[in-house]
């Protein structure tokens, strides 16, 4: 239940909600995005649509996230304009630096670990997290992504992460809100 999951993530303190629905038809993605956007707007939590700038614009999402092969920032801005946040997935220090120079509003950096949400993409490890956080992260938000769970979160924070994306571990938890609160608590202690 996507709507209930969004509500529970917000109740647990999630700072941003992203809809990522690989392999789902666009009409379904748009319908889900419209529902989640309303939930996020009422809670004043930013909502980001993955892959579909047209859908982000149509449902009045706060942002859109694109991968390395999903076109340029200019292409996305031509659709969504200048008021929508645009993020880019990055898998190396060089890609992170390029995203900053291109003018993206934030980046996802990873996947740090192999993850079922990024099939076929090996984990990049954590050796560059501190460097990217210390350079790129002082200019735009850096969200570490990929295989991050409550049981490895301390290690990710120790590597220098200050923002993380957690998917499977939260959505599969007995209590999504309690699991999300646990992640938020760990991140706040690291500040």
Foldseek 3Di string as FASTA:
>chain_A
DLLVLLLLLVLLPDQEEEDDDPPDDPVVLLVSQLSSQVVCVVSVHAYEYELDLQSCQVSVGQEYEYEPPNDAPVVSCVRRNDRHAYEYEDEDLVRLVVCVVSPHQEYEYWQQQADPVDPPDHTSHLQCQQVCCVPSVVPHNYEYEHPDALVCLVVNVVSPHLHYDDDPNLVVDPRNSNRSNSSVVVSVVSD
